Amino acid sequence: MTTKEAVAQRIINLCNERNIAINALANISGVSPSTIYSMLNQKSQNPGIVSIKKICDGLEITVREFFDDPLFDNTEQEIK
């Protein structure tokens, strides 16, 4: 799994845990729905940390909590 895929899956998992839709996440985070959807699909190859921070703020978690998940333990090394 790539880091980008892990970020997308983490966002989906957090929304599912809290029973909120992506549009609701956008509203509480102050991030446009299109930005979040691009993070979830192949449009955005490099999700921005500022957007991730806003999502974390909206979910009332820290960036550390966001990345403290087994999804990120074995991400592929990405060299480009």
Protein backbone atom coordinates (compact mmCIF):
# COMPACT_ATOMS: atom_id res chain seq x y z
CA MET A 1 0.00 0.00 0.00
CA THR A 2 1.29 3.45 -0.84
CA THR A 3 1.20 6.31 1.64
CA LYS A 4 -1.44 8.04 -0.49
CA GLU A 5 -3.62 4.92 -0.37
CA ALA A 6 -3.11 4.66 3.40
CA VAL A 7 -4.16 8.31 3.86
CA ALA A 8 -7.29 7.73 1.77
CA GLN A 9 -8.17 4.56 3.68
CA ARG A 10 -7.57 6.30 7.02
CA ILE A 11 -9.96 9.10 6.07
CA ILE A 12 -12.59 6.57 5.04
CA ASN A 13 -12.11 4.56 8.25
CA LEU A 14 -12.40 7.66 10.44
CA CYS A 15 -15.60 8.71 8.67
CA ASN A 16 -17.04 5.21 9.09
CA GLU A 17 -16.09 5.12 12.79
CA ARG A 18 -17.87 8.43 13.33
CA ASN A 19 -20.73 7.64 10.96
CA ILE A 20 -20.21 10.81 8.92
CA ALA A 21 -20.28 11.31 5.18
CA ILE A 22 -17.43 12.81 3.19
CA ASN A 23 -19.47 15.99 2.60
CA ALA A 24 -20.04 16.30 6.35
CA LEU A 25 -16.30 15.87 6.91
CA ALA A 26 -15.69 18.67 4.41
CA ASN A 27 -18.11 20.94 6.29
CA ILE A 28 -16.60 20.37 9.73
CA SER A 29 -13.04 20.59 8.42
CA GLY A 30 -13.30 23.66 6.22
CA VAL A 31 -11.93 21.69 3.28
CA SER A 32 -13.83 21.58 0.01
CA PRO A 33 -15.54 18.28 -0.81
CA SER A 34 -13.64 18.20 -4.11
CA THR A 35 -10.33 18.35 -2.23
CA ILE A 36 -11.31 15.44 -0.02
CA TYR A 37 -12.64 13.41 -2.94
CA SER A 38 -9.41 14.03 -4.85
CA MET A 39 -7.50 12.72 -1.83
CA LEU A 40 -9.65 9.59 -1.92
CA ASN A 41 -9.16 8.82 -5.60
CA GLN A 42 -6.28 8.94 -8.03
CA LYS A 43 -6.47 12.69 -8.78
CA SER A 44 -4.27 13.69 -5.86
CA GLN A 45 -1.01 11.76 -5.78
CA ASN A 46 0.32 13.83 -2.89
CA PRO A 47 -2.31 14.78 -0.29
CA GLY A 48 -1.24 18.03 1.34
CA ILE A 49 -0.40 18.08 5.03
CA VAL A 50 -2.37 21.33 5.45
CA SER A 51 -5.51 19.57 4.21
CA ILE A 52 -4.79 16.58 6.44
CA LYS A 53 -4.33 18.94 9.41
CA LYS A 54 -7.68 20.61 8.69
CA ILE A 55 -9.35 17.20 8.49
CA CYS A 56 -7.77 16.26 11.81
CA ASP A 57 -8.99 19.51 13.37
CA GLY A 58 -12.51 18.81 12.09
CA LEU A 59 -12.40 15.30 13.55
CA GLU A 60 -10.87 16.64 16.78
CA ILE A 61 -7.80 14.45 16.55
CA THR A 62 -4.13 15.32 16.26
CA VAL A 63 -2.02 14.71 13.19
CA ARG A 64 -0.10 12.22 15.33
CA GLU A 65 -3.33 10.32 16.03
CA PHE A 66 -4.16 10.35 12.32
CA PHE A 67 -0.88 8.69 11.38
CA ASP A 68 -0.73 6.44 14.46
CA ASP A 69 -2.51 3.60 12.70
CA PRO A 70 -1.30 0.21 11.45
CA LEU A 71 -2.16 1.33 7.89
CA PHE A 72 1.07 3.33 7.89
CA ASP A 73 3.32 0.61 9.31
CA ASN A 74 4.17 -1.08 6.04
CA THR A 75 3.69 1.51 3.33
CA GLU A 76 5.78 1.09 0.22
CA GLN A 77 8.90 3.17 -0.25
CA GLU A 78 8.08 5.75 -2.87
CA ILE A 79 10.93 7.03 -5.00
CA LYS A 80 10.14 9.26 -7.95
